[in-house]
Amino acid sequence: MKAERKGITLIALIITIIVLLVLAGVSISLVLGENGIIGKTFISKEKAKEEDAKEQVWLQVNGSVDETGKLDFDDLNKSLRDNLNGVLFNNKPLSDENKIESLPATVEYKGYQIVIPKDNKE
């Protein structure tokens, strides 16, 4: 009577290892690659910072609109200057000499350029 051999062969073991290495390579690429999960989190974080800066500026703009729906430039300049530390207009801090007097206007806040368009809508 012939004895049956049980177990895996060396070739089956090598094929299994190769498949696992390929899967590991694909997984690492998806996580760490240029368009991987980690890269996308950094992009999302930067976009969130930009949107936060934009929202802060727009809160001041919308708070400076009078009852008739007209933007009060004096109130806008004061609100931006008093409530947003480090806001720039024409690459200089807002002041009595350097102030927004018409739209469209571009301000810089937290390193982001934010445009306040002529129609005063986002």
PDB file of N, CA and C in Angstrom:
ATOM      1  N   MET A   1       0.816  -1.164   0.000  1.00  0.00           N
ATOM      2  CA  MET A   1       0.000   0.000   0.000  1.00  0.00           C
ATOM      3  C   MET A   1       0.877   1.250   0.000  1.00  0.00           C
ATOM      4  N   LYS A   2       0.466   2.176  -0.803  1.00  0.00           N
ATOM      5  CA  LYS A   2       1.207   3.417  -0.948  1.00  0.00           C
ATOM      6  C   LYS A   2       0.694   4.440   0.056  1.00  0.00           C
ATOM      7  N   ALA A   3       1.592   5.116   0.727  1.00  0.00           N
ATOM      8  CA  ALA A   3       1.189   6.143   1.689  1.00  0.00           C
ATOM      9  C   ALA A   3       0.863   7.446   0.956  1.00  0.00           C
ATOM     10  N   GLU A   4      -0.239   8.080   1.377  1.00  0.00           N
ATOM     11  CA  GLU A   4      -0.612   9.370   0.761  1.00  0.00           C
ATOM     12  C   GLU A   4       0.159  10.479   1.432  1.00  0.00           C
ATOM     13  N   ARG A   5       0.638  11.367   0.605  1.00  0.00           N
ATOM     14  CA  ARG A   5       1.345  12.539   1.148  1.00  0.00           C
ATOM     15  C   ARG A   5       0.362  13.683   1.301  1.00  0.00           C
ATOM     16  N   LYS A   6       0.405  14.308   2.442  1.00  0.00           N
ATOM     17  CA  LYS A   6      -0.448  15.459   2.680  1.00  0.00           C
ATOM     18  C   LYS A   6       0.452  16.662   2.941  1.00  0.00           C
ATOM     19  N   GLY A   7      -0.024  17.830   2.572  1.00  0.00           N
ATOM     20  CA  GLY A   7       0.750  19.039   2.775  1.00  0.00           C
ATOM     21  C   GLY A   7       0.810  19.848   1.488  1.00  0.00           C
ATOM     22  N   ILE A   8       1.481  20.989   1.559  1.00  0.00           N
ATOM     23  CA  ILE A   8       1.578  21.855   0.382  1.00  0.00           C
ATOM     24  C   ILE A   8       2.949  21.684  -0.248  1.00  0.00           C
ATOM     25  N   THR A   9       2.993  21.906  -1.509  1.00  0.00           N
ATOM     26  CA  THR A   9       4.267  21.780  -2.210  1.00  0.00           C
ATOM     27  C   THR A   9       5.006  23.105  -2.151  1.00  0.00           C
ATOM     28  N   LEU A  10       6.252  23.065  -2.444  1.00  0.00           N
ATOM     29  CA  LEU A  10       7.095  24.260  -2.457  1.00  0.00           C
ATOM     30  C   LEU A  10       6.602  25.249  -3.514  1.00  0.00           C
ATOM     31  N   ILE A  11       6.149  24.780  -4.637  1.00  0.00           N
ATOM     32  CA  ILE A  11       5.651  25.660  -5.708  1.00  0.00           C
ATOM     33  C   ILE A  11       4.391  26.390  -5.245  1.00  0.00           C
ATOM     34  N   ALA A  12       3.485  25.700  -4.584  1.00  0.00           N
ATOM     35  CA  ALA A  12       2.269  26.340  -4.077  1.00  0.00           C
ATOM     36  C   ALA A  12       2.615  27.414  -3.050  1.00  0.00           C
ATOM     37  N   LEU A  13       3.606  27.165  -2.223  1.00  0.00           N
ATOM     38  CA  LEU A  13       4.047  28.142  -1.219  1.00  0.00           C
ATOM     39  C   LEU A  13       4.646  29.377  -1.893  1.00  0.00           C
ATOM     40  N   ILE A  14       5.448  29.200  -2.913  1.00  0.00           N
ATOM     41  CA  ILE A  14       6.054  30.326  -3.635  1.00  0.00           C
ATOM     42  C   ILE A  14       4.977  31.154  -4.340  1.00  0.00           C
ATOM     43  N   ILE A  15       4.018  30.498  -4.972  1.00  0.00           N
ATOM     44  CA  ILE A  15       2.924  31.225  -5.639  1.00  0.00           C
ATOM     45  C   ILE A  15       2.123  32.029  -4.625  1.00  0.00           C
ATOM     46  N   THR A  16       1.855  31.466  -3.466  1.00  0.00           N
ATOM     47  CA  THR A  16       1.117  32.176  -2.413  1.00  0.00           C
ATOM     48  C   THR A  16       1.892  33.413  -1.960  1.00  0.00           C
ATOM     49  N   ILE A  17       3.182  33.284  -1.771  1.00  0.00           N
ATOM     50  CA  ILE A  17       4.014  34.422  -1.351  1.00  0.00           C
ATOM     51  C   ILE A  17       4.021  35.510  -2.413  1.00  0.00           C
ATOM     52  N   ILE A  18       4.125  35.144  -3.673  1.00  0.00           N
ATOM     53  CA  ILE A  18       4.113  36.129  -4.770  1.00  0.00           C
ATOM     54  C   ILE A  18       2.785  36.879  -4.797  1.00  0.00           C
ATOM     55  N   VAL A  19       1.685  36.152  -4.658  1.00  0.00           N
ATOM     56  CA  VAL A  19       0.364  36.807  -4.648  1.00  0.00           C
ATOM     57  C   VAL A  19       0.268  37.777  -3.473  1.00  0.00           C
ATOM     58  N   LEU A  20       0.728  37.381  -2.303  1.00  0.00           N
ATOM     59  CA  LEU A  20       0.698  38.263  -1.132  1.00  0.00           C
ATOM     60  C   LEU A  20       1.572  39.511  -1.343  1.00  0.00           C
ATOM     61  N   LEU A  21       2.732  39.348  -1.979  1.00  0.00           N
ATOM     62  CA  LEU A  21       3.594  40.499  -2.256  1.00  0.00           C
ATOM     63  C   LEU A  21       2.941  41.474  -3.240  1.00  0.00           C
ATOM     64  N   VAL A  22       2.280  40.936  -4.248  1.00  0.00           N
ATOM     65  CA  VAL A  22       1.572  41.803  -5.206  1.00  0.00           C
ATOM     66  C   VAL A  22       0.455  42.562  -4.495  1.00  0.00           C
ATOM     67  N   LEU A  23      -0.323  41.880  -3.680  1.00  0.00           N
ATOM     68  CA  LEU A  23      -1.392  42.544  -2.933  1.00  0.00           C
ATOM     69  C   LEU A  23      -0.842  43.605  -1.983  1.00  0.00           C
ATOM     70  N   ALA A  24       0.273  43.304  -1.339  1.00  0.00           N
ATOM     71  CA  ALA A  24       0.891  44.283  -0.442  1.00  0.00           C
ATOM     72  C   ALA A  24       1.369  45.502  -1.226  1.00  0.00           C
ATOM     73  N   GLY A  25       1.946  45.292  -2.392  1.00  0.00           N
ATOM     74  CA  GLY A  25       2.407  46.413  -3.223  1.00  0.00           C
ATOM     75  C   GLY A  25       1.267  47.294  -3.669  1.00  0.00           C
ATOM     76  N   VAL A  26       0.172  46.694  -4.082  1.00  0.00           N
ATOM     77  CA  VAL A  26      -1.005  47.465  -4.498  1.00  0.00           C
ATOM     78  C   VAL A  26      -1.566  48.249  -3.310  1.00  0.00           C
ATOM     79  N   SER A  27      -1.648  47.628  -2.172  1.00  0.00           N
ATOM     80  CA  SER A  27      -2.180  48.290  -0.978  1.00  0.00           C
ATOM     81  C   SER A  27      -1.308  49.473  -0.568  1.00  0.00           C
ATOM     82  N   ILE A  28      -0.016  49.291  -0.566  1.00  0.00           N
ATOM     83  CA  ILE A  28       0.905  50.377  -0.209  1.00  0.00           C
ATOM     84  C   ILE A  28       0.783  51.520  -1.203  1.00  0.00           C
ATOM     85  N   SER A  29       0.655  51.187  -2.472  1.00  0.00           N
ATOM     86  CA  SER A  29       0.493  52.213  -3.501  1.00  0.00           C
ATOM     87  C   SER A  29      -0.788  53.008  -3.284  1.00  0.00           C
ATOM     88  N   LEU A  30      -1.880  52.335  -2.941  1.00  0.00           N
ATOM     89  CA  LEU A  30      -3.148  53.023  -2.705  1.00  0.00           C
ATOM     90  C   LEU A  30      -3.093  53.931  -1.482  1.00  0.00           C
ATOM     91  N   VAL A  31      -2.319  53.559  -0.500  1.00  0.00           N
ATOM     92  CA  VAL A  31      -2.238  54.359   0.725  1.00  0.00           C
ATOM     93  C   VAL A  31      -1.221  55.485   0.590  1.00  0.00           C
ATOM     94  N   LEU A  32      -0.037  55.184   0.091  1.00  0.00           N
ATOM     95  CA  LEU A  32       1.054  56.154   0.105  1.00  0.00           C
ATOM     96  C   LEU A  32       1.344  56.808  -1.235  1.00  0.00           C
ATOM     97  N   GLY A  33       0.724  56.358  -2.300  1.00  0.00           N
ATOM     98  CA  GLY A  33       1.015  56.901  -3.624  1.00  0.00           C
ATOM     99  C   GLY A  33       0.637  58.371  -3.755  1.00  0.00           C
ATOM    100  N   GLU A  34       1.002  58.952  -4.890  1.00  0.00           N
ATOM    101  CA  GLU A  34       0.761  60.379  -5.134  1.00  0.00           C
ATOM    102  C   GLU A  34      -0.717  60.730  -5.009  1.00  0.00           C
ATOM    103  N   ASN A  35      -1.587  59.879  -5.518  1.00  0.00           N
ATOM    104  CA  ASN A  35      -3.025  60.080  -5.374  1.00  0.00           C
ATOM    105  C   ASN A  35      -3.606  59.140  -4.331  1.00  0.00           C
ATOM    106  N   GLY A  36      -2.794  58.715  -3.392  1.00  0.00           N
ATOM    107  CA  GLY A  36      -3.238  57.778  -2.368  1.00  0.00           C
ATOM    108  C   GLY A  36      -4.027  58.461  -1.266  1.00  0.00           C
ATOM    109  N   ILE A  37      -4.448  57.661  -0.333  1.00  0.00           N
ATOM    110  CA  ILE A  37      -5.272  58.150   0.775  1.00  0.00           C
ATOM    111  C   ILE A  37      -4.536  59.222   1.576  1.00  0.00           C
ATOM    112  N   ILE A  38      -3.268  59.010   1.868  1.00  0.00           N
ATOM    113  CA  ILE A  38      -2.492  59.982   2.649  1.00  0.00           C
ATOM    114  C   ILE A  38      -2.371  61.300   1.890  1.00  0.00           C
ATOM    115  N   GLY A  39      -2.069  61.238   0.606  1.00  0.00           N
ATOM    116  CA  GLY A  39      -1.965  62.455  -0.199  1.00  0.00           C
ATOM    117  C   GLY A  39      -3.268  63.216  -0.267  1.00  0.00           C
ATOM    118  N   LYS A  40      -4.359  62.492  -0.393  1.00  0.00           N
ATOM    119  CA  LYS A  40      -5.670  63.141  -0.462  1.00  0.00           C
ATOM    120  C   LYS A  40      -6.041  63.797   0.862  1.00  0.00           C
ATOM    121  N   THR A  41      -5.586  63.237   1.989  1.00  0.00           N
ATOM    122  CA  THR A  41      -5.885  63.880   3.270  1.00  0.00           C
ATOM    123  C   THR A  41      -5.178  65.219   3.380  1.00  0.00           C
ATOM    124  N   PHE A  42      -3.951  65.314   2.879  1.00  0.00           N
ATOM    125  CA  PHE A  42      -3.243  66.598   2.908  1.00  0.00           C
ATOM    126  C   PHE A  42      -3.938  67.627   2.018  1.00  0.00           C
ATOM    127  N   ILE A  43      -4.413  67.196   0.856  1.00  0.00           N
ATOM    128  CA  ILE A  43      -5.137  68.096  -0.045  1.00  0.00           C
ATOM    129  C   ILE A  43      -6.427  68.566   0.621  1.00  0.00           C
ATOM    130  N   SER A  44      -7.141  67.647   1.247  1.00  0.00           N
ATOM    131  CA  SER A  44      -8.394  67.996   1.922  1.00  0.00           C
ATOM    132  C   SER A  44      -8.153  68.950   3.088  1.00  0.00           C
ATOM    133  N   LYS A  45      -7.087  68.730   3.819  1.00  0.00           N
ATOM    134  CA  LYS A  45      -6.756  69.603   4.946  1.00  0.00           C
ATOM    135  C   LYS A  45      -6.472  71.020   4.454  1.00  0.00           C
ATOM    136  N   GLU A  46      -5.720  71.154   3.378  1.00  0.00           N
ATOM    137  CA  GLU A  46      -5.395  72.464   2.815  1.00  0.00           C
ATOM    138  C   GLU A  46      -6.656  73.161   2.292  1.00  0.00           C
ATOM    139  N   LYS A  47      -7.526  72.405   1.643  1.00  0.00           N
ATOM    140  CA  LYS A  47      -8.777  72.967   1.126  1.00  0.00           C
ATOM    141  C   LYS A  47      -9.667  73.431   2.274  1.00  0.00           C
ATOM    142  N   ALA A  48      -9.689  72.690   3.361  1.00  0.00           N
ATOM    143  CA  ALA A  48     -10.485  73.080   4.529  1.00  0.00           C
ATOM    144  C   ALA A  48      -9.968  74.384   5.133  1.00  0.00           C
ATOM    145  N   LYS A  49      -8.647  74.541   5.192  1.00  0.00           N
ATOM    146  CA  LYS A  49      -8.064  75.790   5.700  1.00  0.00           C
ATOM    147  C   LYS A  49      -8.444  76.968   4.813  1.00  0.00           C
ATOM    148  N   GLU A  50      -8.380  76.760   3.501  1.00  0.00           N
ATOM    149  CA  GLU A  50      -8.739  77.816   2.560  1.00  0.00           C
ATOM    150  C   GLU A  50     -10.216  78.198   2.701  1.00  0.00           C
ATOM    151  N   GLU A  51     -11.076  77.208   2.806  1.00  0.00           N
ATOM    152  CA  GLU A  51     -12.509  77.479   2.943  1.00  0.00           C
ATOM    153  C   GLU A  51     -12.815  78.170   4.265  1.00  0.00           C
ATOM    154  N   ASP A  52     -12.077  77.833   5.320  1.00  0.00           N
ATOM    155  CA  ASP A  52     -12.260  78.500   6.611  1.00  0.00           C
ATOM    156  C   ASP A  52     -11.893  79.979   6.501  1.00  0.00           C
ATOM    157  N   ALA A  53     -10.773  80.280   5.847  1.00  0.00           N
ATOM    158  CA  ALA A  53     -10.362  81.669   5.662  1.00  0.00           C
ATOM    159  C   ALA A  53     -11.409  82.424   4.847  1.00  0.00           C
ATOM    160  N   LYS A  54     -11.897  81.801   3.797  1.00  0.00           N
ATOM    161  CA  LYS A  54     -12.916  82.420   2.946  1.00  0.00           C
ATOM    162  C   LYS A  54     -14.195  82.680   3.745  1.00  0.00           C
ATOM    163  N   GLU A  55     -14.591  81.723   4.556  1.00  0.00           N
ATOM    164  CA  GLU A  55     -15.795  81.885   5.367  1.00  0.00           C
ATOM    165  C   GLU A  55     -15.647  83.036   6.359  1.00  0.00           C
ATOM    166  N   GLN A  56     -14.477  83.156   6.974  1.00  0.00           N
ATOM    167  CA  GLN A  56     -14.243  84.246   7.924  1.00  0.00           C
ATOM    168  C   GLN A  56     -14.374  85.607   7.252  1.00  0.00           C
ATOM    169  N   VAL A  57     -13.825  85.736   6.048  1.00  0.00           N
ATOM    170  CA  VAL A  57     -13.938  87.003   5.309  1.00  0.00           C
ATOM    171  C   VAL A  57     -15.395  87.263   4.953  1.00  0.00           C
ATOM    172  N   TRP A  58     -16.086  86.227   4.457  1.00  0.00           N
ATOM    173  CA  TRP A  58     -17.475  86.421   4.040  1.00  0.00           C
ATOM    174  C   TRP A  58     -18.397  86.741   5.202  1.00  0.00           C
ATOM    175  N   LEU A  59     -18.086  86.260   6.392  1.00  0.00           N
ATOM    176  CA  LEU A  59     -18.869  86.644   7.569  1.00  0.00           C
ATOM    177  C   LEU A  59     -18.778  88.148   7.798  1.00  0.00           C
ATOM    178  N   GLN A  60     -17.594  88.703   7.624  1.00  0.00           N
ATOM    179  CA  GLN A  60     -17.406  90.147   7.791  1.00  0.00           C
ATOM    180  C   GLN A  60     -18.098  90.925   6.675  1.00  0.00           C
ATOM    181  N   VAL A  61     -18.006  90.402   5.445  1.00  0.00           N
ATOM    182  CA  VAL A  61     -18.654  91.076   4.314  1.00  0.00           C
ATOM    183  C   VAL A  61     -20.169  91.093   4.523  1.00  0.00           C
ATOM    184  N   ASN A  62     -20.744  89.943   4.818  1.00  0.00           N
ATOM    185  CA  ASN A  62     -22.202  89.865   4.994  1.00  0.00           C
ATOM    186  C   ASN A  62     -22.676  90.650   6.206  1.00  0.00           C
ATOM    187  N   GLY A  63     -21.833  90.755   7.222  1.00  0.00           N
ATOM    188  CA  GLY A  63     -22.184  91.551   8.397  1.00  0.00           C
ATOM    189  C   GLY A  63     -22.110  93.048   8.145  1.00  0.00           C
ATOM    190  N   SER A  64     -21.537  93.447   7.026  1.00  0.00           N
ATOM    191  CA  SER A  64     -21.387  94.870   6.703  1.00  0.00           C
ATOM    192  C   SER A  64     -22.424  95.359   5.703  1.00  0.00           C
ATOM    193  N   VAL A  65     -23.403  94.546   5.424  1.00  0.00           N
ATOM    194  CA  VAL A  65     -24.476  94.934   4.514  1.00  0.00           C
ATOM    195  C   VAL A  65     -25.569  95.619   5.334  1.00  0.00           C
ATOM    196  N   ASP A  66     -26.014  96.803   4.884  1.00  0.00           N
ATOM    197  CA  ASP A  66     -27.052  97.530   5.623  1.00  0.00           C
ATOM    198  C   ASP A  66     -28.449  96.999   5.314  1.00  0.00           C
ATOM    199  N   GLU A  67     -29.461  97.640   5.885  1.00  0.00           N
ATOM    200  CA  GLU A  67     -30.843  97.176   5.740  1.00  0.00           C
ATOM    201  C   GLU A  67     -31.318  97.186   4.296  1.00  0.00           C
ATOM    202  N   THR A  68     -30.758  98.054   3.486  1.00  0.00           N
ATOM    203  CA  THR A  68     -31.181  98.151   2.094  1.00  0.00           C
ATOM    204  C   THR A  68     -30.474  97.138   1.199  1.00  0.00           C
ATOM    205  N   GLY A  69     -29.532  96.399   1.762  1.00  0.00           N
ATOM    206  CA  GLY A  69     -28.786  95.411   0.983  1.00  0.00           C
ATOM    207  C   GLY A  69     -27.513  95.952   0.372  1.00  0.00           C
ATOM    208  N   LYS A  70     -27.152  97.190   0.742  1.00  0.00           N
ATOM    209  CA  LYS A  70     -25.948  97.823   0.207  1.00  0.00           C
ATOM    210  C   LYS A  70     -24.775  97.609   1.170  1.00  0.00           C
ATOM    211  N   LEU A  71     -23.620  97.335   0.591  1.00  0.00           N
ATOM    212  CA  LEU A  71     -22.421  97.115   1.392  1.00  0.00           C
ATOM    213  C   LEU A  71     -21.893  98.443   1.908  1.00  0.00           C
ATOM    214  N   ASP A  72     -21.702  98.529   3.221  1.00  0.00           N
ATOM    215  CA  ASP A  72     -21.138  99.717   3.863  1.00  0.00           C
ATOM    216  C   ASP A  72     -19.622  99.518   3.939  1.00  0.00           C
ATOM    217  N   PHE A  73     -18.884 100.232   3.087  1.00  0.00           N
ATOM    218  CA  PHE A  73     -17.439 100.035   3.002  1.00  0.00           C
ATOM    219  C   PHE A  73     -16.714 100.412   4.285  1.00  0.00           C
ATOM    220  N   ASP A  74     -17.169 101.463   4.968  1.00  0.00           N
ATOM    221  CA  ASP A  74     -16.531 101.833   6.238  1.00  0.00           C
ATOM    222  C   ASP A  74     -16.681 100.715   7.256  1.00  0.00           C
ATOM    223  N   ASP A  75     -17.891 100.164   7.340  1.00  0.00           N
ATOM    224  CA  ASP A  75     -18.136  99.063   8.265  1.00  0.00           C
ATOM    225  C   ASP A  75     -17.339  97.821   7.861  1.00  0.00           C
ATOM    226  N   LEU A  76     -17.261  97.556   6.556  1.00  0.00           N
ATOM    227  CA  LEU A  76     -16.499  96.408   6.067  1.00  0.00           C
ATOM    228  C   LEU A  76     -15.033  96.517   6.457  1.00  0.00           C
ATOM    229  N   ASN A  77     -14.433  97.670   6.187  1.00  0.00           N
ATOM    230  CA  ASN A  77     -13.015  97.849   6.525  1.00  0.00           C
ATOM    231  C   ASN A  77     -12.777  97.708   8.016  1.00  0.00           C
ATOM    232  N   LYS A  78     -13.665  98.293   8.817  1.00  0.00           N
ATOM    233  CA  LYS A  78     -13.529  98.197  10.272  1.00  0.00           C
ATOM    234  C   LYS A  78     -13.684  96.745  10.734  1.00  0.00           C
ATOM    235  N   SER A  79     -14.691  96.054  10.196  1.00  0.00           N
ATOM    236  CA  SER A  79     -14.914  94.660  10.587  1.00  0.00           C
ATOM    237  C   SER A  79     -13.734  93.767  10.218  1.00  0.00           C
ATOM    238  N   LEU A  80     -13.238  93.918   9.003  1.00  0.00           N
ATOM    239  CA  LEU A  80     -12.087  93.116   8.578  1.00  0.00           C
ATOM    240  C   LEU A  80     -10.867  93.413   9.450  1.00  0.00           C
ATOM    241  N   ARG A  81     -10.627  94.695   9.698  1.00  0.00           N
ATOM    242  CA  ARG A  81      -9.451  95.107  10.476  1.00  0.00           C
ATOM    243  C   ARG A  81      -9.557  94.627  11.923  1.00  0.00           C
ATOM    244  N   ASP A  82     -10.755  94.765  12.519  1.00  0.00           N
ATOM    245  CA  ASP A  82     -10.910  94.451  13.941  1.00  0.00           C
ATOM    246  C   ASP A  82     -11.083  92.957  14.228  1.00  0.00           C
ATOM    247  N   ASN A  83     -11.695  92.229  13.295  1.00  0.00           N
ATOM    248  CA  ASN A  83     -12.058  90.836  13.583  1.00  0.00           C
ATOM    249  C   ASN A  83     -11.153  89.788  12.945  1.00  0.00           C
ATOM    250  N   LEU A  84     -10.398  90.178  11.928  1.00  0.00           N
ATOM    251  CA  LEU A  84      -9.524  89.213  11.261  1.00  0.00           C
ATOM    252  C   LEU A  84      -8.078  89.673  11.375  1.00  0.00           C
ATOM    253  N   ASN A  85      -7.375  89.066  12.268  1.00  0.00           N
ATOM    254  CA  ASN A  85      -5.980  89.430  12.501  1.00  0.00           C
ATOM    255  C   ASN A  85      -5.123  89.056  11.290  1.00  0.00           C
ATOM    256  N   GLY A  86      -4.458  90.036  10.718  1.00  0.00           N
ATOM    257  CA  GLY A  86      -3.532  89.773   9.629  1.00  0.00           C
ATOM    258  C   GLY A  86      -4.127  89.881   8.241  1.00  0.00           C
ATOM    259  N   VAL A  87      -5.347  90.403   8.097  1.00  0.00           N
ATOM    260  CA  VAL A  87      -5.936  90.537   6.770  1.00  0.00           C
ATOM    261  C   VAL A  87      -5.210  91.654   6.013  1.00  0.00           C
ATOM    262  N   LEU A  88      -4.935  91.395   4.727  1.00  0.00           N
ATOM    263  CA  LEU A  88      -4.204  92.349   3.891  1.00  0.00           C
ATOM    264  C   LEU A  88      -5.048  92.764   2.696  1.00  0.00           C
ATOM    265  N   PHE A  89      -4.853  94.009   2.285  1.00  0.00           N
ATOM    266  CA  PHE A  89      -5.458  94.525   1.060  1.00  0.00           C
ATOM    267  C   PHE A  89      -4.349  95.261   0.327  1.00  0.00           C
ATOM    268  N   ASN A  90      -4.151  94.936  -0.936  1.00  0.00           N
ATOM    269  CA  ASN A  90      -3.021  95.483  -1.715  1.00  0.00           C
ATOM    270  C   ASN A  90      -1.680  95.173  -1.037  1.00  0.00           C
ATOM    271  N   ASN A  91      -1.586  93.974  -0.466  1.00  0.00           N
ATOM    272  CA  ASN A  91      -0.371  93.482   0.212  1.00  0.00           C
ATOM    273  C   ASN A  91       0.021  94.306   1.420  1.00  0.00           C
ATOM    274  N   LYS A  92      -0.905  95.079   1.964  1.00  0.00           N
ATOM    275  CA  LYS A  92      -0.653  95.871   3.167  1.00  0.00           C
ATOM    276  C   LYS A  92      -1.829  95.710   4.117  1.00  0.00           C
ATOM    277  N   PRO A  93      -1.583  95.888   5.422  1.00  0.00           N
ATOM    278  CA  PRO A  93      -2.700  95.815   6.373  1.00  0.00           C
ATOM    279  C   PRO A  93      -3.732  96.907   6.084  1.00  0.00           C
ATOM    280  N   LEU A  94      -4.973  96.591   6.373  1.00  0.00           N
ATOM    281  CA  LEU A  94      -6.029  97.597   6.213  1.00  0.00           C
ATOM    282  C   LEU A  94      -5.783  98.751   7.178  1.00  0.00           C
ATOM    283  N   SER A  95      -5.992  99.963   6.687  1.00  0.00           N
ATOM    284  CA  SER A  95      -5.816 101.168   7.498  1.00  0.00           C
ATOM    285  C   SER A  95      -6.694 102.257   6.910  1.00  0.00           C
ATOM    286  N   ASP A  96      -6.628 103.450   7.499  1.00  0.00           N
ATOM    287  CA  ASP A  96      -7.397 104.569   6.961  1.00  0.00           C
ATOM    288  C   ASP A  96      -6.923 104.948   5.564  1.00  0.00           C
ATOM    289  N   GLU A  97      -5.649 104.716   5.264  1.00  0.00           N
ATOM    290  CA  GLU A  97      -5.107 105.024   3.945  1.00  0.00           C
ATOM    291  C   GLU A  97      -5.261 103.855   2.969  1.00  0.00           C
ATOM    292  N   ASN A  98      -5.181 102.650   3.464  1.00  0.00           N
ATOM    293  CA  ASN A  98      -5.270 101.440   2.634  1.00  0.00           C
ATOM    294  C   ASN A  98      -6.570 100.720   2.972  1.00  0.00           C
ATOM    295  N   LYS A  99      -7.629 101.070   2.256  1.00  0.00           N
ATOM    296  CA  LYS A  99      -8.932 100.482   2.569  1.00  0.00           C
ATOM    297  C   LYS A  99      -9.686 100.144   1.291  1.00  0.00           C
ATOM    298  N   ILE A 100     -10.649  99.262   1.452  1.00  0.00           N
ATOM    299  CA  ILE A 100     -11.493  98.847   0.327  1.00  0.00           C
ATOM    300  C   ILE A 100     -12.526  99.948   0.103  1.00  0.00           C
ATOM    301  N   GLU A 101     -12.572 100.455  -1.132  1.00  0.00           N
ATOM    302  CA  GLU A 101     -13.520 101.519  -1.451  1.00  0.00           C
ATOM    303  C   GLU A 101     -14.466 101.134  -2.593  1.00  0.00           C
ATOM    304  N   SER A 102     -14.169 100.044  -3.268  1.00  0.00           N
ATOM    305  CA  SER A 102     -15.038  99.584  -4.359  1.00  0.00           C
ATOM    306  C   SER A 102     -14.832  98.087  -4.555  1.00  0.00           C
ATOM    307  N   LEU A 103     -15.757  97.501  -5.277  1.00  0.00           N
ATOM    308  CA  LEU A 103     -15.678  96.079  -5.590  1.00  0.00           C
ATOM    309  C   LEU A 103     -15.533  95.908  -7.094  1.00  0.00           C
ATOM    310  N   PRO A 104     -14.923  94.894  -7.579  1.00  0.00           N
ATOM    311  CA  PRO A 104     -14.375  93.752  -6.842  1.00  0.00           C
ATOM    312  C   PRO A 104     -13.099  94.128  -6.098  1.00  0.00           C
ATOM    313  N   ALA A 105     -12.861  93.408  -5.026  1.00  0.00           N
ATOM    314  CA  ALA A 105     -11.656  93.620  -4.221  1.00  0.00           C
ATOM    315  C   ALA A 105     -11.109  92.264  -3.811  1.00  0.00           C
ATOM    316  N   THR A 106      -9.798  92.184  -3.718  1.00  0.00           N
ATOM    317  CA  THR A 106      -9.142  90.947  -3.291  1.00  0.00           C
ATOM    318  C   THR A 106      -8.397  91.215  -1.997  1.00  0.00           C
ATOM    319  N   VAL A 107      -8.705  90.416  -0.991  1.00  0.00           N
ATOM    320  CA  VAL A 107      -7.995  90.502   0.279  1.00  0.00           C
ATOM    321  C   VAL A 107      -7.210  89.212   0.476  1.00  0.00           C
ATOM    322  N   GLU A 108      -6.186  89.312   1.291  1.00  0.00           N
ATOM    323  CA  GLU A 108      -5.405  88.124   1.640  1.00  0.00           C
ATOM    324  C   GLU A 108      -5.595  87.858   3.118  1.00  0.00           C
ATOM    325  N   TYR A 109      -5.959  86.621   3.422  1.00  0.00           N
ATOM    326  CA  TYR A 109      -6.148  86.233   4.817  1.00  0.00           C
ATOM    327  C   TYR A 109      -5.624  84.818   4.996  1.00  0.00           C
ATOM    328  N   LYS A 110      -4.771  84.632   5.983  1.00  0.00           N
ATOM    329  CA  LYS A 110      -4.141  83.339   6.275  1.00  0.00           C
ATOM    330  C   LYS A 110      -3.416  82.772   5.055  1.00  0.00           C
ATOM    331  N   GLY A 111      -2.904  83.670   4.201  1.00  0.00           N
ATOM    332  CA  GLY A 111      -2.143  83.249   3.040  1.00  0.00           C
ATOM    333  C   GLY A 111      -2.976  82.930   1.810  1.00  0.00           C
ATOM    334  N   TYR A 112      -4.286  83.144   1.867  1.00  0.00           N
ATOM    335  CA  TYR A 112      -5.173  82.841   0.753  1.00  0.00           C
ATOM    336  C   TYR A 112      -5.744  84.131   0.165  1.00  0.00           C
ATOM    337  N   GLN A 113      -5.808  84.174  -1.157  1.00  0.00           N
ATOM    338  CA  GLN A 113      -6.404  85.312  -1.858  1.00  0.00           C
ATOM    339  C   GLN A 113      -7.911  85.085  -1.935  1.00  0.00           C
ATOM    340  N   ILE A 114      -8.680  86.033  -1.403  1.00  0.00           N
ATOM    341  CA  ILE A 114     -10.133  85.908  -1.378  1.00  0.00           C
ATOM    342  C   ILE A 114     -10.725  87.106  -2.111  1.00  0.00           C
ATOM    343  N   VAL A 115     -11.495  86.816  -3.140  1.00  0.00           N
ATOM    344  CA  VAL A 115     -12.083  87.868  -3.965  1.00  0.00           C
ATOM    345  C   VAL A 115     -13.489  88.180  -3.464  1.00  0.00           C
ATOM    346  N   ILE A 116     -13.737  89.463  -3.256  1.00  0.00           N
ATOM    347  CA  ILE A 116     -15.084  89.941  -2.962  1.00  0.00           C
ATOM    348  C   ILE A 116     -15.584  90.534  -4.278  1.00  0.00           C
ATOM    349  N   PRO A 117     -16.477  89.830  -4.979  1.00  0.00           N
ATOM    350  CA  PRO A 117     -16.877  90.287  -6.319  1.00  0.00           C
ATOM    351  C   PRO A 117     -17.806  91.507  -6.267  1.00  0.00           C
ATOM    352  N   LYS A 118     -17.982  92.088  -7.415  1.00  0.00           N
ATOM    353  CA  LYS A 118     -18.779  93.304  -7.527  1.00  0.00           C
ATOM    354  C   LYS A 118     -20.223  93.085  -7.088  1.00  0.00           C
ATOM    355  N   ASP A 119     -20.788  91.910  -7.399  1.00  0.00           N
ATOM    356  CA  ASP A 119     -22.169  91.658  -7.014  1.00  0.00           C
ATOM    357  C   ASP A 119     -22.300  91.215  -5.569  1.00  0.00           C
ATOM    358  N   ASN A 120     -21.159  91.141  -4.850  1.00  0.00           N
ATOM    359  CA  ASN A 120     -21.125  90.831  -3.425  1.00  0.00           C
ATOM    360  C   ASN A 120     -21.766  89.480  -3.109  1.00  0.00           C
ATOM    361  N   LYS A 121     -21.578  88.514  -4.000  1.00  0.00           N
ATOM    362  CA  LYS A 121     -22.089  87.162  -3.775  1.00  0.00           C
ATOM    363  C   LYS A 121     -20.960  86.172  -4.013  1.00  0.00           C
ATOM    364  N   GLU A 122     -20.947  85.110  -3.191  1.00  0.00           N
ATOM    365  CA  GLU A 122     -19.909  84.083  -3.326  1.00  0.00           C
ATOM    366  C   GLU A 122     -20.012  83.375  -4.655  1.00  0.00           C
TER     367      GLU A 122
END
